[in-house]
Protein backbone atom coordinates (compact mmCIF):
# COMPACT_ATOMS: atom_id res chain seq x y z
CA UNK A 1 0.00 0.00 0.00
CA UNK A 2 1.22 3.55 -0.66
CA UNK A 3 2.47 5.52 2.32
CA UNK A 4 0.07 8.30 3.33
CA UNK A 5 1.82 11.65 3.55
CA UNK A 6 0.37 15.00 4.59
CA UNK A 7 2.12 18.20 3.55
CA UNK A 8 1.24 21.11 5.83
CA UNK A 9 1.56 24.18 3.61
CA UNK A 10 1.64 24.45 -0.18
CA UNK A 11 4.15 27.22 -0.70
CA UNK A 12 7.16 26.81 -2.96
CA UNK A 13 8.83 24.13 -0.86
CA UNK A 14 5.66 22.28 0.13
CA UNK A 15 4.40 22.13 -3.45
CA UNK A 16 7.75 20.98 -4.84
CA UNK A 17 8.02 18.32 -2.15
CA UNK A 18 4.44 17.12 -2.63
CA UNK A 19 4.86 16.64 -6.38
CA UNK A 20 8.04 14.59 -6.04
CA UNK A 21 6.64 12.40 -3.24
CA UNK A 22 3.39 11.82 -5.15
CA UNK A 23 5.30 10.91 -8.32
CA UNK A 24 7.20 8.34 -6.24
CA UNK A 25 3.92 6.55 -5.56
CA UNK A 26 3.02 7.91 -2.13
CA UNK A 27 -0.55 8.97 -1.28
CA UNK A 28 -0.01 12.69 -0.71
CA UNK A 29 -2.53 15.25 0.44
CA UNK A 30 -2.16 18.92 1.38
CA UNK A 31 -3.33 20.84 4.44
CA UNK A 32 -3.68 24.45 3.30
CA UNK A 33 -5.47 27.75 3.90
CA UNK A 34 -6.45 28.30 0.25
CA UNK A 35 -7.06 26.04 -2.74
CA UNK A 36 -3.61 25.43 -4.29
CA UNK A 37 -4.99 24.32 -7.65
CA UNK A 38 -2.79 22.15 -9.90
CA UNK A 39 0.81 22.02 -8.66
CA UNK A 40 3.42 22.77 -11.27
CA UNK A 41 7.09 21.88 -10.93
CA UNK A 42 9.51 22.71 -13.72
CA UNK A 43 9.96 19.77 -16.09
CA UNK A 44 6.96 17.82 -14.76
CA UNK A 45 3.29 17.78 -15.78
CA UNK A 46 0.81 19.66 -13.53
CA UNK A 47 -0.47 17.56 -10.66
CA UNK A 48 -3.68 18.01 -8.69
CA UNK A 49 -3.63 16.55 -5.18
CA UNK A 50 -6.35 16.31 -2.52
CA UNK A 51 -6.34 19.29 -0.19
CA UNK A 52 -8.01 20.12 3.11
CA UNK A 53 -8.55 23.31 5.05
CA UNK A 54 -8.19 21.52 8.39
CA UNK A 55 -6.13 18.58 9.62
CA UNK A 56 -7.29 16.29 6.82
CA UNK A 57 -7.49 12.47 7.03
CA UNK A 58 -4.99 10.44 9.07
CA UNK A 59 -1.55 10.09 7.51
CA UNK A 60 1.50 7.97 8.24
CA UNK A 61 3.86 10.95 7.96
CA UNK A 62 3.40 14.70 7.98
CA UNK A 63 5.79 17.34 6.68
CA UNK A 64 5.51 20.84 8.10
CA UNK A 65 6.70 23.33 5.48
CA UNK A 66 5.04 26.57 6.60
CA UNK A 67 6.90 29.61 7.94
CA UNK A 68 7.96 29.38 11.57
CA UNK A 69 5.63 32.18 12.61
CA UNK A 70 2.66 30.12 11.33
CA UNK A 71 3.36 27.20 13.69
CA UNK A 72 0.60 28.09 16.19
CA UNK A 73 -2.04 27.53 13.51
CA UNK A 74 -0.17 24.93 11.43
CA UNK A 75 0.79 22.42 14.13
CA UNK A 76 -2.82 21.63 15.14
CA UNK A 77 -3.34 20.39 11.56
CA UNK A 78 -0.87 17.54 12.03
CA UNK A 79 -2.77 14.24 11.98
CA UNK A 80 0.08 11.74 11.78
CA UNK A 81 2.25 9.84 14.28
CA UNK A 82 5.48 11.08 12.68
CA UNK A 83 6.17 14.76 11.94
CA UNK A 84 9.16 16.06 9.99
CA UNK A 85 9.69 19.82 9.86
CA UNK A 86 11.46 21.68 7.07
CA UNK A 87 11.81 25.21 8.38
CA UNK A 88 14.42 27.81 9.17
CA UNK A 89 15.85 28.06 12.67
CA UNK A 90 17.04 25.79 15.44
CA UNK A 91 13.77 24.90 17.18
CA UNK A 92 11.95 22.75 14.67
CA UNK A 93 9.26 20.42 16.11
CA UNK A 94 9.37 16.71 15.33
CA UNK A 95 12.19 15.42 13.12
CA UNK A 96 14.20 18.45 11.97
CA UNK A 97 15.09 18.53 8.27
CA UNK A 98 17.73 20.99 7.03
CA UNK A 99 17.05 22.20 3.51
CA UNK A 100 19.78 23.30 1.11
CA UNK A 101 17.47 23.68 -1.89
CA UNK A 102 16.14 27.11 -2.83
CA UNK A 103 12.88 27.15 -4.77
CA UNK A 104 11.07 30.02 -6.44
CA UNK A 105 7.81 30.38 -8.34
CA UNK A 106 7.77 31.81 -11.86
CA UNK A 107 4.23 32.23 -13.19
CA UNK A 108 3.06 29.51 -10.84
CA UNK A 109 5.77 27.03 -11.85
CA UNK A 110 8.21 25.99 -9.08
CA UNK A 111 11.86 26.05 -10.07
CA UNK A 112 14.51 24.51 -7.80
CA UNK A 113 18.02 25.96 -7.91
CA UNK A 114 20.50 23.03 -8.02
CA UNK A 115 22.08 22.81 -4.55
CA UNK A 116 25.82 22.13 -4.27
CA UNK A 117 25.14 19.31 -1.78
CA UNK A 118 22.23 16.93 -0.97
CA UNK A 119 18.88 18.69 -0.85
CA UNK A 120 18.19 17.78 2.78
CA UNK A 121 20.25 16.89 5.86
CA UNK A 122 18.54 14.76 8.51
CA UNK A 123 19.52 13.06 11.78
CA UNK A 124 20.56 9.41 11.46
CA UNK A 125 18.11 6.64 12.20
CA UNK A 126 14.88 8.25 10.97
CA UNK A 127 12.43 6.67 8.48
CA UNK A 128 12.84 9.59 6.07
CA UNK A 129 15.38 8.07 3.63
CA UNK A 130 12.88 5.36 2.66
CA UNK A 131 10.29 8.01 1.73
CA UNK A 132 12.64 9.66 -0.74
CA UNK A 133 14.17 6.50 -2.23
CA UNK A 134 12.28 6.77 -5.53
CA UNK A 135 12.56 10.55 -5.88
CA UNK A 136 15.35 12.77 -7.28
CA UNK A 137 15.63 14.36 -3.83
CA UNK A 138 18.90 13.49 -2.08
CA UNK A 139 19.27 13.15 1.69
CA UNK A 140 22.36 13.23 3.89
CA UNK A 141 22.30 11.67 7.35
CA UNK A 142 24.68 13.61 9.61
CA UNK A 143 25.76 11.87 12.84
CA UNK A 144 26.70 15.24 14.38
CA UNK A 145 23.32 16.79 13.71
CA UNK A 146 23.77 19.52 16.32
CA UNK A 147 26.71 20.94 14.38
CA UNK A 148 24.88 20.43 11.08
CA UNK A 149 21.89 22.37 12.40
CA UNK A 150 24.09 25.26 13.52
CA UNK A 151 25.92 25.31 10.18
CA UNK A 152 22.60 25.57 8.38
CA UNK A 153 21.38 28.20 10.85
CA UNK A 154 24.40 30.41 10.19
CA UNK A 155 24.17 29.66 6.45
CA UNK A 156 20.65 31.12 6.61
CA UNK A 157 21.65 34.02 8.85
CA UNK A 158 24.13 35.09 6.18
CA UNK A 159 22.25 34.29 2.98
CA UNK A 160 18.73 35.43 3.83
CA UNK A 161 19.22 38.94 5.27
CA UNK A 162 22.03 39.95 2.92
CA UNK A 163 20.19 38.96 -0.24
CA UNK A 164 17.03 40.61 1.09
CA UNK A 165 18.90 43.86 1.68
CA UNK A 166 20.71 43.71 -1.66
CA UNK A 167 17.62 42.70 -3.65
CA UNK A 168 19.75 40.16 -5.52
CA UNK A 169 20.66 36.48 -5.34
CA UNK A 170 23.51 34.62 -3.66
CA UNK A 171 26.02 35.88 -6.24
CA UNK A 172 26.37 38.99 -4.03
CA UNK A 173 28.59 36.96 -1.68
CA UNK A 174 31.31 36.98 -4.34
CA UNK A 175 31.54 40.76 -3.98
CA UNK A 176 33.97 42.17 -1.36
CA UNK A 177 31.33 44.25 0.48
CA UNK A 178 28.93 41.37 1.06
CA UNK A 179 31.68 38.82 1.61
CA UNK A 180 33.07 40.99 4.42
CA UNK A 181 29.60 41.46 5.86
CA UNK A 182 29.08 37.69 5.80
CA UNK A 183 32.37 37.14 7.61
CA UNK A 184 31.31 39.62 10.29
CA UNK A 185 28.00 37.81 10.83
CA UNK A 186 29.80 34.48 11.20
CA UNK A 187 32.56 35.79 13.47
CA UNK A 188 29.96 37.21 15.81
CA UNK A 189 27.85 34.04 15.75
CA UNK A 190 30.56 31.41 16.28
CA UNK A 191 30.75 31.95 20.09
CA UNK A 192 27.02 31.27 20.26
CA UNK A 193 27.43 28.02 18.34
CA UNK A 194 30.35 27.00 20.53
CA UNK A 195 28.28 27.72 23.62
CA UNK A 196 25.71 25.26 22.30
CA UNK A 197 28.42 22.61 21.74
CA UNK A 198 28.40 22.82 17.93
CA UNK A 199 31.49 22.57 15.73
CA UNK A 200 31.21 25.10 12.90
CA UNK A 201 33.73 25.97 10.18
CA UNK A 202 32.83 29.41 8.78
CA UNK A 203 34.85 28.82 5.63
CA UNK A 204 32.77 25.73 4.85
CA UNK A 205 29.60 27.82 5.15
CA UNK A 206 30.99 30.50 2.83
CA UNK A 207 32.20 27.89 0.36
CA UNK A 208 28.76 26.24 0.26
CA UNK A 209 27.05 29.59 -0.29
CA UNK A 210 29.53 30.46 -3.02
CA UNK A 211 28.74 27.23 -4.86
CA UNK A 212 25.14 28.08 -5.73
CA UNK A 213 24.52 29.24 -9.30
CA UNK A 214 24.16 33.02 -9.87
CA UNK A 215 20.60 34.19 -9.49
CA UNK A 216 19.76 31.79 -6.64
CA UNK A 217 17.17 33.66 -4.59
CA UNK A 218 16.62 33.00 -0.90
CA UNK A 219 13.17 32.76 0.66
CA UNK A 220 13.68 36.02 2.57
CA UNK A 221 14.61 37.87 -0.62
CA UNK A 222 11.46 36.53 -2.29
CA UNK A 223 9.32 37.37 0.73
CA UNK A 224 10.63 40.92 0.93
CA UNK A 225 10.02 41.53 -2.75
CA UNK A 226 6.45 40.26 -2.31
CA UNK A 227 5.90 42.41 0.78
CA UNK A 228 5.48 39.39 3.06
CA UNK A 229 6.50 39.02 6.69
CA UNK A 230 10.15 38.02 7.15
CA UNK A 231 11.40 35.18 9.33
CA UNK A 232 13.78 37.36 11.29
CA UNK A 233 12.72 36.02 14.70
CA UNK A 234 13.83 32.48 13.82
CA UNK A 235 17.15 33.57 12.29
CA UNK A 236 19.19 36.66 13.15
CA UNK A 237 16.67 37.72 15.78
CA UNK A 238 17.19 34.39 17.53
CA UNK A 239 20.95 34.96 17.55
CA UNK A 240 20.39 38.36 19.16
CA UNK A 241 18.19 36.68 21.76
CA UNK A 242 20.87 34.07 22.48
CA UNK A 243 23.52 36.77 22.72
CA UNK A 244 21.51 38.56 25.38
CA UNK A 245 20.97 35.29 27.25
CA UNK A 246 24.67 34.38 27.20
CA UNK A 247 25.91 37.97 27.55
CA UNK A 248 27.72 37.78 24.22
CA UNK A 249 27.68 40.83 21.89
CA UNK A 250 25.70 40.58 18.64
CA UNK A 251 25.80 44.11 17.12
CA UNK A 252 26.00 42.95 13.48
CA UNK A 253 22.97 40.68 13.78
CA UNK A 254 21.13 43.35 15.76
CA UNK A 255 21.80 45.82 12.96
CA UNK A 256 20.49 43.39 10.33
CA UNK A 257 17.26 42.85 12.27
CA UNK A 258 16.81 46.60 12.63
CA UNK A 259 17.38 47.18 8.91
CA UNK A 260 14.88 44.55 7.83
CA UNK A 261 12.36 44.78 10.67
């Protein structure tokens, strides 16, 4: 029997994920606030999936793909024993999934920018690899998931606010001004990661960011251009909060939050 999968949220990531999982033979349905219509992913035919405006029928797995600030209304829609969350930040409920794929919508068609590493990083020992076995989506199981989560957190705390401020994609990090700014964000954030027990190499983060193709647009850049709320509280705002808790200075991150808030 096909595995029943609920996708909470049908934004760029949720729609892209739903199409690939459905094409792999899983029974996928969406929990949404508005009718998503046919889902279109670049290179694939449009796909219409069942959708519900509440928790929907029972599922075997649920993926939470909404913005972090929507969790109070999104989490009650979970109707599955296993929840995996693909969101920004360090406090994801259920099984945390770190995403390295950036997706944008062009005329309703979702385009995924090729990531320089596997699409998702997950903790070892979860049932997630089996779900993606027949999809083009690649997973990496990291035994030091704490460090992996902090690397992705700082990756996001560099890429999202800087591209949002610049109004351009990740190619800005090849320019001296933004490269220096990125280094300042990381230098300020490393003591916070160390305090949490994470091992983070800032040059690895910068190298990963520099490997994306020109024009790769972060979610915060897209949200700002669309006039949507930004996920500052889960990213740089969270670093500022940790800095205050640990009495460690975070002026660069504080400045970024003030500029974009």
